C-alpha atoms as a PDB file:
ATOM      1  CA  UNK A   1      63.445 112.341 124.578  1.00  0.00           C
ATOM      2  CA  UNK A   2      62.425 115.999 124.332  1.00  0.00           C
ATOM      3  CA  UNK A   3      63.724 117.760 120.919  1.00  0.00           C
ATOM      4  CA  UNK A   4      66.494 119.960 123.212  1.00  0.00           C
ATOM      5  CA  UNK A   5      67.617 116.962 124.779  1.00  0.00           C
ATOM      6  CA  UNK A   6      67.802 114.893 121.333  1.00  0.00           C
ATOM      7  CA  UNK A   7      69.631 118.143 119.901  1.00  0.00           C
ATOM      8  CA  UNK A   8      72.039 118.182 122.828  1.00  0.00           C
ATOM      9  CA  UNK A   9      72.904 114.794 122.075  1.00  0.00           C
ATOM     10  CA  UNK A  10      73.642 114.876 118.509  1.00  0.00           C
ATOM     11  CA  UNK A  11      76.032 117.961 119.521  1.00  0.00           C
ATOM     12  CA  UNK A  12      77.787 116.161 122.038  1.00  0.00           C
ATOM     13  CA  UNK A  13      78.577 113.392 119.686  1.00  0.00           C
ATOM     14  CA  UNK A  14      79.931 115.825 117.620  1.00  0.00           C
ATOM     15  CA  UNK A  15      82.281 117.199 120.051  1.00  0.00           C
ATOM     16  CA  UNK A  16      83.708 113.789 120.094  1.00  0.00           C
ATOM     17  CA  UNK A  17      84.350 113.350 116.509  1.00  0.00           C
ATOM     18  CA  UNK A  18      88.242 114.843 116.213  1.00  0.00           C
ATOM     19  CA  UNK A  19      91.075 113.771 114.502  1.00  0.00           C
ATOM     20  CA  UNK A  20      91.178 111.889 111.147  1.00  0.00           C
ATOM     21  CA  UNK A  21      88.775 112.267 107.932  1.00  0.00           C
ATOM     22  CA  UNK A  22      85.158 112.161 109.112  1.00  0.00           C
ATOM     23  CA  UNK A  23      81.860 111.877 107.728  1.00  0.00           C
ATOM     24  CA  UNK A  24      79.574 114.800 108.821  1.00  0.00           C
ATOM     25  CA  UNK A  25      75.844 114.325 108.838  1.00  0.00           C
ATOM     26  CA  UNK A  26      73.424 116.983 108.179  1.00  0.00           C
ATOM     27  CA  UNK A  27      70.083 116.911 109.617  1.00  0.00           C
ATOM     28  CA  UNK A  28      66.781 118.507 110.731  1.00  0.00           C
ATOM     29  CA  UNK A  29      64.488 117.813 113.499  1.00  0.00           C
ATOM     30  CA  UNK A  30      60.956 116.629 113.220  1.00  0.00           C
ATOM     31  CA  UNK A  31      58.749 117.073 116.302  1.00  0.00           C
ATOM     32  CA  UNK A  32      57.348 113.401 116.340  1.00  0.00           C
ATOM     33  CA  UNK A  33      60.413 111.694 115.674  1.00  0.00           C
ATOM     34  CA  UNK A  34      62.284 110.671 118.685  1.00  0.00           C
ATOM     35  CA  UNK A  35      65.101 108.931 120.331  1.00  0.00           C
ATOM     36  CA  UNK A  36      64.359 105.887 118.382  1.00  0.00           C
ATOM     37  CA  UNK A  37      62.335 106.883 115.073  1.00  0.00           C
ATOM     38  CA  UNK A  38      63.828 108.640 112.276  1.00  0.00           C
ATOM     39  CA  UNK A  39      66.383 108.245 109.535  1.00  0.00           C
ATOM     40  CA  UNK A  40      68.716 110.560 111.743  1.00  0.00           C
ATOM     41  CA  UNK A  41      69.467 107.195 113.189  1.00  0.00           C
ATOM     42  CA  UNK A  42      71.645 106.629 110.768  1.00  0.00           C
ATOM     43  CA  UNK A  43      73.738 109.278 112.058  1.00  0.00           C
ATOM     44  CA  UNK A  44      73.746 108.014 115.565  1.00  0.00           C
ATOM     45  CA  UNK A  45      74.571 104.595 115.082  1.00  0.00           C
ATOM     46  CA  UNK A  46      77.610 105.524 113.074  1.00  0.00           C
ATOM     47  CA  UNK A  47      80.437 103.837 114.293  1.00  0.00           C
ATOM     48  CA  UNK A  48      83.386 105.795 112.806  1.00  0.00           C
ATOM     49  CA  UNK A  49      84.524 109.198 113.253  1.00  0.00           C
ATOM     50  CA  UNK A  50      81.400 111.572 112.796  1.00  0.00           C
ATOM     51  CA  UNK A  51      79.740 114.888 113.226  1.00  0.00           C
ATOM     52  CA  UNK A  52      75.934 115.934 113.295  1.00  0.00           C
ATOM     53  CA  UNK A  53      74.607 119.617 112.389  1.00  0.00           C
ATOM     54  CA  UNK A  54      71.169 120.136 113.341  1.00  0.00           C
ATOM     55  CA  UNK A  55      69.962 123.045 110.906  1.00  0.00           C
ATOM     56  CA  UNK A  56      67.854 125.809 111.995  1.00  0.00           C
ATOM     57  CA  UNK A  57      64.055 125.589 111.545  1.00  0.00           C
ATOM     58  CA  UNK A  58      61.019 126.884 112.248  1.00  0.00           C
ATOM     59  CA  UNK A  59      61.062 125.930 115.950  1.00  0.00           C
ATOM     60  CA  UNK A  60      64.124 127.473 116.708  1.00  0.00           C
ATOM     61  CA  UNK A  61      63.071 131.134 118.088  1.00  0.00           C
ATOM     62  CA  UNK A  62      59.781 131.591 119.993  1.00  0.00           C
ATOM     63  CA  UNK A  63      58.336 135.239 119.767  1.00  0.00           C
ATOM     64  CA  UNK A  64      54.626 136.493 119.499  1.00  0.00           C
ATOM     65  CA  UNK A  65      52.427 135.697 116.739  1.00  0.00           C
ATOM     66  CA  UNK A  66      53.183 139.268 114.777  1.00  0.00           C
ATOM     67  CA  UNK A  67      56.802 138.460 114.648  1.00  0.00           C
ATOM     68  CA  UNK A  68      56.331 135.636 112.618  1.00  0.00           C
ATOM     69  CA  UNK A  69      57.388 136.886 108.767  1.00  0.00           C
ATOM     70  CA  UNK A  70      60.637 138.163 110.943  1.00  0.00           C
ATOM     71  CA  UNK A  71      61.150 134.880 112.542  1.00  0.00           C
ATOM     72  CA  UNK A  72      61.017 132.931 109.160  1.00  0.00           C
ATOM     73  CA  UNK A  73      63.304 135.532 107.488  1.00  0.00           C
ATOM     74  CA  UNK A  74      65.880 135.151 110.271  1.00  0.00           C
ATOM     75  CA  UNK A  75      65.379 131.385 110.666  1.00  0.00           C
ATOM     76  CA  UNK A  76      65.994 131.523 106.542  1.00  0.00           C
ATOM     77  CA  UNK A  77      69.113 133.419 107.392  1.00  0.00           C
ATOM     78  CA  UNK A  78      70.700 131.196 109.467  1.00  0.00           C
ATOM     79  CA  UNK A  79      70.088 128.253 107.333  1.00  0.00           C
ATOM     80  CA  UNK A  80      71.930 129.728 104.962  1.00  0.00           C
ATOM     81  CA  UNK A  81      75.095 130.809 106.827  1.00  0.00           C
ATOM     82  CA  UNK A  82      75.018 127.328 108.298  1.00  0.00           C
ATOM     83  CA  UNK A  83      74.746 125.969 104.954  1.00  0.00           C
ATOM     84  CA  UNK A  84      77.521 128.177 103.923  1.00  0.00           C
ATOM     85  CA  UNK A  85      79.773 127.275 106.714  1.00  0.00           C
ATOM     86  CA  UNK A  86      79.302 123.546 106.142  1.00  0.00           C
ATOM     87  CA  UNK A  87      80.277 123.775 102.791  1.00  0.00           C
ATOM     88  CA  UNK A  88      83.566 125.389 103.522  1.00  0.00           C
ATOM     89  CA  UNK A  89      84.461 123.224 106.349  1.00  0.00           C
ATOM     90  CA  UNK A  90      83.793 120.188 104.627  1.00  0.00           C
ATOM     91  CA  UNK A  91      85.631 121.765 101.825  1.00  0.00           C
ATOM     92  CA  UNK A  92      89.063 122.538 103.758  1.00  0.00           C
ATOM     93  CA  UNK A  93      88.396 120.556 106.868  1.00  0.00           C
ATOM     94  CA  UNK A  94      89.124 117.005 107.638  1.00  0.00           C
ATOM     95  CA  UNK A  95      85.609 115.819 106.338  1.00  0.00           C
ATOM     96  CA  UNK A  96      85.616 113.231 103.612  1.00  0.00           C
ATOM     97  CA  UNK A  97      81.886 112.940 102.973  1.00  0.00           C
ATOM     98  CA  UNK A  98      78.901 115.262 103.863  1.00  0.00           C
ATOM     99  CA  UNK A  99      75.905 113.453 104.122  1.00  0.00           C
ATOM    100  CA  UNK A 100      72.262 115.586 104.067  1.00  0.00           C
ATOM    101  CA  UNK A 101      69.553 113.311 105.042  1.00  0.00           C
ATOM    102  CA  UNK A 102      66.821 115.175 103.768  1.00  0.00           C
ATOM    103  CA  UNK A 103      67.445 116.157 100.419  1.00  0.00           C
ATOM    104  CA  UNK A 104      64.254 117.646  99.772  1.00  0.00           C
ATOM    105  CA  UNK A 105      64.029 119.758 102.794  1.00  0.00           C
ATOM    106  CA  UNK A 106      67.611 120.618 103.182  1.00  0.00           C
ATOM    107  CA  UNK A 107      69.394 121.231  99.680  1.00  0.00           C
ATOM    108  CA  UNK A 108      71.424 122.727  98.288  1.00  0.00           C
ATOM    109  CA  UNK A 109      74.625 123.310 100.461  1.00  0.00           C
ATOM    110  CA  UNK A 110      77.418 125.209  98.338  1.00  0.00           C
ATOM    111  CA  UNK A 111      80.214 123.721  96.979  1.00  0.00           C
ATOM    112  CA  UNK A 112      83.660 124.746  97.755  1.00  0.00           C
ATOM    113  CA  UNK A 113      86.816 123.308  96.148  1.00  0.00           C
ATOM    114  CA  UNK A 114      88.514 120.206  97.915  1.00  0.00           C
ATOM    115  CA  UNK A 115      88.027 116.733  98.192  1.00  0.00           C
ATOM    116  CA  UNK A 116      84.736 116.709 100.140  1.00  0.00           C
ATOM    117  CA  UNK A 117      81.759 114.264  98.465  1.00  0.00           C
ATOM    118  CA  UNK A 118      78.387 115.777  99.402  1.00  0.00           C
ATOM    119  CA  UNK A 119      75.933 112.926  99.213  1.00  0.00           C
ATOM    120  CA  UNK A 120      72.121 112.973 100.022  1.00  0.00           C
ATOM    121  CA  UNK A 121      69.037 111.054 100.525  1.00  0.00           C
ATOM    122  CA  UNK A 122      65.618 111.603  99.227  1.00  0.00           C
ATOM    123  CA  UNK A 123      62.511 110.817 100.763  1.00  0.00           C
ATOM    124  CA  UNK A 124      59.644 111.672  98.691  1.00  0.00           C
ATOM    125  CA  UNK A 125      57.884 108.892  96.150  1.00  0.00           C
ATOM    126  CA  UNK A 126      58.466 109.809  92.290  1.00  0.00           C
ATOM    127  CA  UNK A 127      54.534 110.918  92.479  1.00  0.00           C
ATOM    128  CA  UNK A 128      55.448 113.703  94.506  1.00  0.00           C
ATOM    129  CA  UNK A 129      58.998 115.032  92.911  1.00  0.00           C
ATOM    130  CA  UNK A 130      57.842 114.059  89.471  1.00  0.00           C
ATOM    131  CA  UNK A 131      53.956 115.667  89.355  1.00  0.00           C
ATOM    132  CA  UNK A 132      55.118 118.511  86.980  1.00  0.00           C
ATOM    133  CA  UNK A 133      57.733 119.458  85.211  1.00  0.00           C
ATOM    134  CA  UNK A 134      58.255 122.734  87.768  1.00  0.00           C
ATOM    135  CA  UNK A 135      58.817 120.350  90.525  1.00  0.00           C
ATOM    136  CA  UNK A 136      61.696 118.373  88.223  1.00  0.00           C
ATOM    137  CA  UNK A 137      63.272 121.384  87.510  1.00  0.00           C
ATOM    138  CA  UNK A 138      63.195 122.255  91.513  1.00  0.00           C
ATOM    139  CA  UNK A 139      64.540 118.985  92.093  1.00  0.00           C
ATOM    140  CA  UNK A 140      67.435 119.120  89.294  1.00  0.00           C
ATOM    141  CA  UNK A 141      68.334 122.747  90.883  1.00  0.00           C
ATOM    142  CA  UNK A 142      68.581 121.007  94.394  1.00  0.00           C
ATOM    143  CA  UNK A 143      70.989 118.155  93.201  1.00  0.00           C
ATOM    144  CA  UNK A 144      72.993 120.387  91.347  1.00  0.00           C
ATOM    145  CA  UNK A 145      75.957 120.039  93.803  1.00  0.00           C
ATOM    146  CA  UNK A 146      75.402 116.387  94.944  1.00  0.00           C
ATOM    147  CA  UNK A 147      77.768 113.793  94.281  1.00  0.00           C
ATOM    148  CA  UNK A 148      75.868 110.935  95.296  1.00  0.00           C
ATOM    149  CA  UNK A 149      71.867 110.102  95.923  1.00  0.00           C
ATOM    150  CA  UNK A 150      71.083 107.403  98.032  1.00  0.00           C
ATOM    151  CA  UNK A 151      67.430 106.349  97.005  1.00  0.00           C
ATOM    152  CA  UNK A 152      65.086 104.693  99.640  1.00  0.00           C
ATOM    153  CA  UNK A 153      63.317 102.231  97.091  1.00  0.00           C
ATOM    154  CA  UNK A 154      63.857 100.955  93.622  1.00  0.00           C
ATOM    155  CA  UNK A 155      61.163 102.969  92.005  1.00  0.00           C
ATOM    156  CA  UNK A 156      62.581 105.866  93.502  1.00  0.00           C
ATOM    157  CA  UNK A 157      66.096 105.218  92.389  1.00  0.00           C
ATOM    158  CA  UNK A 158      64.768 104.621  88.852  1.00  0.00           C
ATOM    159  CA  UNK A 159      62.930 108.058  88.604  1.00  0.00           C
ATOM    160  CA  UNK A 160      66.021 109.544  89.822  1.00  0.00           C
ATOM    161  CA  UNK A 161      68.213 108.467  87.357  1.00  0.00           C
ATOM    162  CA  UNK A 162      65.526 109.631  84.568  1.00  0.00           C
ATOM    163  CA  UNK A 163      65.686 113.032  86.547  1.00  0.00           C
ATOM    164  CA  UNK A 164      69.633 113.420  86.639  1.00  0.00           C
ATOM    165  CA  UNK A 165      71.257 110.739  84.719  1.00  0.00           C
ATOM    166  CA  UNK A 166      74.811 112.214  84.982  1.00  0.00           C
ATOM    167  CA  UNK A 167      74.546 111.632  88.840  1.00  0.00           C
ATOM    168  CA  UNK A 168      75.522 108.668  90.803  1.00  0.00           C
ATOM    169  CA  UNK A 169      72.812 107.306  92.563  1.00  0.00           C
ATOM    170  CA  UNK A 170      72.053 103.989  94.930  1.00  0.00           C
ATOM    171  CA  UNK A 171      69.538 102.026  96.504  1.00  0.00           C
ATOM    172  CA  UNK A 172      70.153 101.859 100.636  1.00  0.00           C
ATOM    173  CA  UNK A 173      67.457 100.680 102.165  1.00  0.00           C
ATOM    174  CA  UNK A 174      65.506 103.136 105.485  1.00  0.00           C
ATOM    175  CA  UNK A 175      66.609 101.413 108.870  1.00  0.00           C
ATOM    176  CA  UNK A 176      64.933 100.591 111.760  1.00  0.00           C
ATOM    177  CA  UNK A 177      65.565 100.296 115.645  1.00  0.00           C
ATOM    178  CA  UNK A 178      64.991  96.646 116.019  1.00  0.00           C
ATOM    179  CA  UNK A 179      66.097  96.491 119.739  1.00  0.00           C
ATOM    180  CA  UNK A 180      63.581  99.191 120.672  1.00  0.00           C
ATOM    181  CA  UNK A 181      60.712  97.978 118.885  1.00  0.00           C
ATOM    182  CA  UNK A 182      59.807  94.688 119.479  1.00  0.00           C
ATOM    183  CA  UNK A 183      56.722  93.103 121.053  1.00  0.00           C
ATOM    184  CA  UNK A 184      58.201  91.568 124.242  1.00  0.00           C
ATOM    185  CA  UNK A 185      55.867  91.869 127.159  1.00  0.00           C
ATOM    186  CA  UNK A 186      52.470  92.731 125.320  1.00  0.00           C
ATOM    187  CA  UNK A 187      49.687  90.824 123.817  1.00  0.00           C
ATOM    188  CA  UNK A 188      47.191  91.833 120.914  1.00  0.00           C
ATOM    189  CA  UNK A 189      43.391  92.424 121.385  1.00  0.00           C
ATOM    190  CA  UNK A 190      41.110  93.186 118.697  1.00  0.00           C
ATOM    191  CA  UNK A 191      42.535  96.231 117.732  1.00  0.00           C
ATOM    192  CA  UNK A 192      42.734  97.792 114.273  1.00  0.00           C
ATOM    193  CA  UNK A 193      45.751 100.515 114.239  1.00  0.00           C
ATOM    194  CA  UNK A 194      45.213 103.137 111.399  1.00  0.00           C
ATOM    195  CA  UNK A 195      48.420 105.106 110.561  1.00  0.00           C
ATOM    196  CA  UNK A 196      47.595 108.779 109.490  1.00  0.00           C
ATOM    197  CA  UNK A 197      50.309 110.584 109.063  1.00  0.00           C
ATOM    198  CA  UNK A 198      51.975 111.941 105.857  1.00  0.00           C
ATOM    199  CA  UNK A 199      50.722 111.031 102.236  1.00  0.00           C
ATOM    200  CA  UNK A 200      47.421 109.208 103.648  1.00  0.00           C
ATOM    201  CA  UNK A 201      44.163 108.882 102.099  1.00  0.00           C
ATOM    202  CA  UNK A 202      42.188 110.044 104.943  1.00  0.00           C
ATOM    203  CA  UNK A 203      38.835 109.794 103.839  1.00  0.00           C
ATOM    204  CA  UNK A 204      39.517 106.269 102.752  1.00  0.00           C
ATOM    205  CA  UNK A 205      40.379 105.364 106.036  1.00  0.00           C
ATOM    206  CA  UNK A 206      37.647 107.185 107.362  1.00  0.00           C
ATOM    207  CA  UNK A 207      35.424 105.158 105.282  1.00  0.00           C
ATOM    208  CA  UNK A 208      37.558 101.803 106.435  1.00  0.00           C
ATOM    209  CA  UNK A 209      36.831 102.570 110.248  1.00  0.00           C
ATOM    210  CA  UNK A 210      33.197 102.925 109.921  1.00  0.00           C
ATOM    211  CA  UNK A 211      32.774  99.928 107.866  1.00  0.00           C
ATOM    212  CA  UNK A 212      35.077  97.946 110.517  1.00  0.00           C
ATOM    213  CA  UNK A 213      33.354  99.044 113.682  1.00  0.00           C
ATOM    214  CA  UNK A 214      30.029  98.389 111.834  1.00  0.00           C
ATOM    215  CA  UNK A 215      30.952  94.668 110.757  1.00  0.00           C
ATOM    216  CA  UNK A 216      32.702  93.255 113.957  1.00  0.00           C
ATOM    217  CA  UNK A 217      30.983  94.862 117.251  1.00  0.00           C
ATOM    218  CA  UNK A 218      34.192  93.466 118.939  1.00  0.00           C
ATOM    219  CA  UNK A 219      36.465  95.785 116.911  1.00  0.00           C
ATOM    220  CA  UNK A 220      37.831  98.991 118.322  1.00  0.00           C
ATOM    221  CA  UNK A 221      40.219 101.324 115.934  1.00  0.00           C
ATOM    222  CA  UNK A 222      42.548 103.446 117.249  1.00  0.00           C
ATOM    223  CA  UNK A 223      44.214 106.198 114.891  1.00  0.00           C
ATOM    224  CA  UNK A 224      47.436 108.299 115.210  1.00  0.00           C
ATOM    225  CA  UNK A 225      49.709 110.719 113.466  1.00  0.00           C
ATOM    226  CA  UNK A 226      49.149 114.195 112.074  1.00  0.00           C
ATOM    227  CA  UNK A 227      45.985 113.572 110.587  1.00  0.00           C
ATOM    228  CA  UNK A 228      44.370 111.457 112.952  1.00  0.00           C
ATOM    229  CA  UNK A 229      41.777 113.710 114.309  1.00  0.00           C
ATOM    230  CA  UNK A 230      40.267 113.690 110.339  1.00  0.00           C
ATOM    231  CA  UNK A 231      38.555 110.483 111.977  1.00  0.00           C
ATOM    232  CA  UNK A 232      37.384 112.315 114.902  1.00  0.00           C
ATOM    233  CA  UNK A 233      33.362 111.364 115.264  1.00  0.00           C
ATOM    234  CA  UNK A 234      33.327 108.187 113.357  1.00  0.00           C
ATOM    235  CA  UNK A 235      32.169 106.247 116.082  1.00  0.00           C
ATOM    236  CA  UNK A 236      32.557 105.972 119.952  1.00  0.00           C
ATOM    237  CA  UNK A 237      35.041 102.731 119.075  1.00  0.00           C
ATOM    238  CA  UNK A 238      37.389 104.979 116.764  1.00  0.00           C
ATOM    239  CA  UNK A 239      39.612 106.014 119.526  1.00  0.00           C
ATOM    240  CA  UNK A 240      41.826 109.209 118.063  1.00  0.00           C
ATOM    241  CA  UNK A 241      45.743 109.168 119.599  1.00  0.00           C
ATOM    242  CA  UNK A 242      48.438 112.535 118.895  1.00  0.00           C
ATOM    243  CA  UNK A 243      51.681 113.157 119.882  1.00  0.00           C
ATOM    244  CA  UNK A 244      52.863 109.222 121.008  1.00  0.00           C
ATOM    245  CA  UNK A 245      55.897 109.027 122.152  1.00  0.00           C
ATOM    246  CA  UNK A 246      58.305 106.415 121.312  1.00  0.00           C
ATOM    247  CA  UNK A 247      57.018 103.810 124.402  1.00  0.00           C
ATOM    248  CA  UNK A 248      53.609 104.697 123.488  1.00  0.00           C
ATOM    249  CA  UNK A 249      54.116 103.903 120.000  1.00  0.00           C
ATOM    250  CA  UNK A 250      55.808 100.609 120.513  1.00  0.00           C
ATOM    251  CA  UNK A 251      52.720  99.987 122.857  1.00  0.00           C
ATOM    252  CA  UNK A 252      50.360 100.466 119.813  1.00  0.00           C
ATOM    253  CA  UNK A 253      52.308  98.603 117.101  1.00  0.00           C
ATOM    254  CA  UNK A 254      52.548  95.466 119.508  1.00  0.00           C
ATOM    255  CA  UNK A 255      48.982  95.513 120.764  1.00  0.00           C
ATOM    256  CA  UNK A 256      46.741  96.042 117.813  1.00  0.00           C
ATOM    257  CA  UNK A 257      45.724  92.769 115.491  1.00  0.00           C
ATOM    258  CA  UNK A 258      46.744  94.591 112.529  1.00  0.00           C
ATOM    259  CA  UNK A 259      48.142  97.744 111.074  1.00  0.00           C
ATOM    260  CA  UNK A 260      46.341 100.125 108.112  1.00  0.00           C
ATOM    261  CA  UNK A 261      48.358 101.991 106.076  1.00  0.00           C
ATOM    262  CA  UNK A 262      46.186 103.970 103.754  1.00  0.00           C
ATOM    263  CA  UNK A 263      49.067 105.585 101.612  1.00  0.00           C
ATOM    264  CA  UNK A 264      48.600 107.501  98.697  1.00  0.00           C
ATOM    265  CA  UNK A 265      52.335 106.953  98.116  1.00  0.00           C
ATOM    266  CA  UNK A 266      55.609 106.050  99.677  1.00  0.00           C
ATOM    267  CA  UNK A 267      59.240 105.581  99.445  1.00  0.00           C
ATOM    268  CA  UNK A 268      60.476 104.149 102.671  1.00  0.00           C
ATOM    269  CA  UNK A 269      57.967 104.432 105.840  1.00  0.00           C
ATOM    270  CA  UNK A 270      58.414 104.635 109.554  1.00  0.00           C
ATOM    271  CA  UNK A 271      55.407 103.208 110.766  1.00  0.00           C
ATOM    272  CA  UNK A 272      55.372 100.292 108.332  1.00  0.00           C
ATOM    273  CA  UNK A 273      59.343  99.150 109.705  1.00  0.00           C
ATOM    274  CA  UNK A 274      58.268 100.212 113.343  1.00  0.00           C
ATOM    275  CA  UNK A 275      55.215  97.782 113.412  1.00  0.00           C
ATOM    276  CA  UNK A 276      56.815  95.173 111.108  1.00  0.00           C
ATOM    277  CA  UNK A 277      59.438  95.059 113.964  1.00  0.00           C
ATOM    278  CA  UNK A 278      56.970  94.541 116.585  1.00  0.00           C
ATOM    279  CA  UNK A 279      55.639  91.570 114.512  1.00  0.00           C
ATOM    280  CA  UNK A 280      52.501  93.538 113.431  1.00  0.00           C
ATOM    281  CA  UNK A 281      50.773  92.473 110.430  1.00  0.00           C
ATOM    282  CA  UNK A 282      50.111  95.337 108.021  1.00  0.00           C
ATOM    283  CA  UNK A 283      47.506  95.994 105.343  1.00  0.00           C
ATOM    284  CA  UNK A 284      48.901  98.509 103.145  1.00  0.00           C
ATOM    285  CA  UNK A 285      47.870  99.178  99.202  1.00  0.00           C
ATOM    286  CA  UNK A 286      49.945  97.687  96.581  1.00  0.00           C
ATOM    287  CA  UNK A 287      52.557 100.279  95.958  1.00  0.00           C
ATOM    288  CA  UNK A 288      55.825  99.414  94.443  1.00  0.00           C
ATOM    289  CA  UNK A 289      57.953 100.601  97.872  1.00  0.00           C
ATOM    290  CA  UNK A 290      55.286  98.281 100.372  1.00  0.00           C
ATOM    291  CA  UNK A 291      55.577  95.530  98.302  1.00  0.00           C
ATOM    292  CA  UNK A 292      59.372  95.918  98.217  1.00  0.00           C
ATOM    293  CA  UNK A 293      59.915  96.532 101.799  1.00  0.00           C
ATOM    294  CA  UNK A 294      57.467  93.662 103.109  1.00  0.00           C
ATOM    295  CA  UNK A 295      57.543  91.026 100.404  1.00  0.00           C
ATOM    296  CA  UNK A 296      55.162  88.588 101.174  1.00  0.00           C
ATOM    297  CA  UNK A 297      54.823  89.356 104.852  1.00  0.00           C
ATOM    298  CA  UNK A 298      52.448  92.377 103.796  1.00  0.00           C
ATOM    299  CA  UNK A 299      48.871  92.395 102.806  1.00  0.00           C
ATOM    300  CA  UNK A 300      48.230  94.567  99.946  1.00  0.00           C
ATOM    301  CA  UNK A 301      44.815  95.563  98.579  1.00  0.00           C
ATOM    302  CA  UNK A 302      44.648  97.284  94.789  1.00  0.00           C
ATOM    303  CA  UNK A 303      43.812 100.814  95.058  1.00  0.00           C
ATOM    304  CA  UNK A 304      40.693 100.657  93.319  1.00  0.00           C
ATOM    305  CA  UNK A 305      39.522  98.508  96.464  1.00  0.00           C
ATOM    306  CA  UNK A 306      36.427  99.704  97.989  1.00  0.00           C
ATOM    307  CA  UNK A 307      36.683 100.369 101.707  1.00  0.00           C
ATOM    308  CA  UNK A 308      33.961  98.075 102.685  1.00  0.00           C
ATOM    309  CA  UNK A 309      36.354  95.459 101.103  1.00  0.00           C
ATOM    310  CA  UNK A 310      39.059  96.200 102.936  1.00  0.00           C
ATOM    311  CA  UNK A 311      37.407  96.662 106.143  1.00  0.00           C
ATOM    312  CA  UNK A 312      36.101  93.287 105.858  1.00  0.00           C
ATOM    313  CA  UNK A 313      39.638  92.445 105.277  1.00  0.00           C
ATOM    314  CA  UNK A 314      41.034  93.933 108.443  1.00  0.00           C
ATOM    315  CA  UNK A 315      38.466  92.085 110.556  1.00  0.00           C
ATOM    316  CA  UNK A 316      38.946  88.698 109.221  1.00  0.00           C
ATOM    317  CA  UNK A 317      42.798  89.376 109.880  1.00  0.00           C
ATOM    318  CA  UNK A 318      41.496  90.554 113.634  1.00  0.00           C
ATOM    319  CA  UNK A 319      39.954  87.326 114.034  1.00  0.00           C
ATOM    320  CA  UNK A 320      43.161  85.312 112.381  1.00  0.00           C
ATOM    321  CA  UNK A 321      45.727  86.498 114.431  1.00  0.00           C
ATOM    322  CA  UNK A 322      43.884  86.317 117.447  1.00  0.00           C
ATOM    323  CA  UNK A 323      44.308  82.612 116.824  1.00  0.00           C
ATOM    324  CA  UNK A 324      47.364  82.314 115.349  1.00  0.00           C
ATOM    325  CA  UNK A 325      49.986  85.566 115.393  1.00  0.00           C
ATOM    326  CA  UNK A 326      51.581  85.617 111.548  1.00  0.00           C
ATOM    327  CA  UNK A 327      55.307  84.328 111.402  1.00  0.00           C
ATOM    328  CA  UNK A 328      58.069  85.655 109.799  1.00  0.00           C
ATOM    329  CA  UNK A 329      57.116  89.441 110.384  1.00  0.00           C
ATOM    330  CA  UNK A 330      59.994  90.022 112.956  1.00  0.00           C
ATOM    331  CA  UNK A 331      62.357  88.387 110.726  1.00  0.00           C
ATOM    332  CA  UNK A 332      61.963  90.311 107.944  1.00  0.00           C
ATOM    333  CA  UNK A 333      62.356  93.558 109.926  1.00  0.00           C
ATOM    334  CA  UNK A 334      65.399  92.151 111.030  1.00  0.00           C
ATOM    335  CA  UNK A 335      66.912  92.797 107.268  1.00  0.00           C
ATOM    336  CA  UNK A 336      66.577  96.378 107.813  1.00  0.00           C
ATOM    337  CA  UNK A 337      68.563  96.639 111.349  1.00  0.00           C
ATOM    338  CA  UNK A 338      70.496  99.676 111.292  1.00  0.00           C
ATOM    339  CA  UNK A 339      73.584  97.349 111.629  1.00  0.00           C
ATOM    340  CA  UNK A 340      73.002  95.950 108.365  1.00  0.00           C
ATOM    341  CA  UNK A 341      71.996  99.684 106.626  1.00  0.00           C
ATOM    342  CA  UNK A 342      75.349 101.249 107.846  1.00  0.00           C
ATOM    343  CA  UNK A 343      77.493  98.849 106.202  1.00  0.00           C
ATOM    344  CA  UNK A 344      75.781  99.331 102.958  1.00  0.00           C
ATOM    345  CA  UNK A 345      76.218 103.209 103.461  1.00  0.00           C
ATOM    346  CA  UNK A 346      79.900 103.038 104.023  1.00  0.00           C
ATOM    347  CA  UNK A 347      80.252 101.191 100.896  1.00  0.00           C
ATOM    348  CA  UNK A 348      78.201 103.482  99.201  1.00  0.00           C
ATOM    349  CA  UNK A 349      80.502 106.531 100.282  1.00  0.00           C
ATOM    350  CA  UNK A 350      83.204 104.184  99.372  1.00  0.00           C
ATOM    351  CA  UNK A 351      82.054 104.417  96.034  1.00  0.00           C
ATOM    352  CA  UNK A 352      82.448 108.089  95.256  1.00  0.00           C
ATOM    353  CA  UNK A 353      85.775 108.463  97.433  1.00  0.00           C
ATOM    354  CA  UNK A 354      88.006 105.996  95.807  1.00  0.00           C
END
């Protein structure tokens, strides 16, 4: 599904949401999120009366390079007007909850008199949001009008409560489309998959890939994500992929022997949940959030581990998984299916609406 098709679908769902009090979701579009990927699926899976508003973003206006600064100003004005209209509509319309799905990006929303409650979800780890006092003050300012903050990990929840102790915060896990992300019809080969997106240690990943192809001549490394090109030139057996759609992502998750997530920090991770849903073994650093989501189903390395040690671990898992795929991975993912996350979110809304 293209961005335009996604946007049309979200608006079409909004037109069907009429009548009694509803939940209004505020989202943004990310080019790398398809029909089955991303937190916006909370809105798409919502069973009740809802409407979704997509905020204007940097991809909304197209023009020559010289118009860039003008375009940025126009987008900023459009976003501000949209937020103001949302605040007014939420307060004076039939809106029970206004949920800003990507709080760091899209808050604040103006507050108007009325009974509507403003909810937001935060997606960045404490190491990012709390890296200095100015960032903490910025976060407090963003959250000033919010009634409920949804954290995506226990660690993030504790951090948020320390920053804004006067705000209510609840931990509701990120969801995954387990119907779509499954490994049916695929067979696994001797491939190590590396996720190269936001907050990744790409220097470390590059060293791991170099050692892995040297340790096992039968291994191929495939790299996907926004930073994948940083591993270009390591070896002819390190293959770079970019702009994968959902079907291609599912194929990569389901046909690799193991996936490496070289995270610097995380709260909840789409690649982690989607690979888990495909029954894929995952090697990741022992960050609190990775351990919380994967539990005993993950293979963890200390953040002080050497790239060579992690490469040896990956190669051993390639051989092990080719003989007997690991059990319990898919079952773990099912606990994060959106059908289980939506009721938890509904309970969170009830806690502030009475």
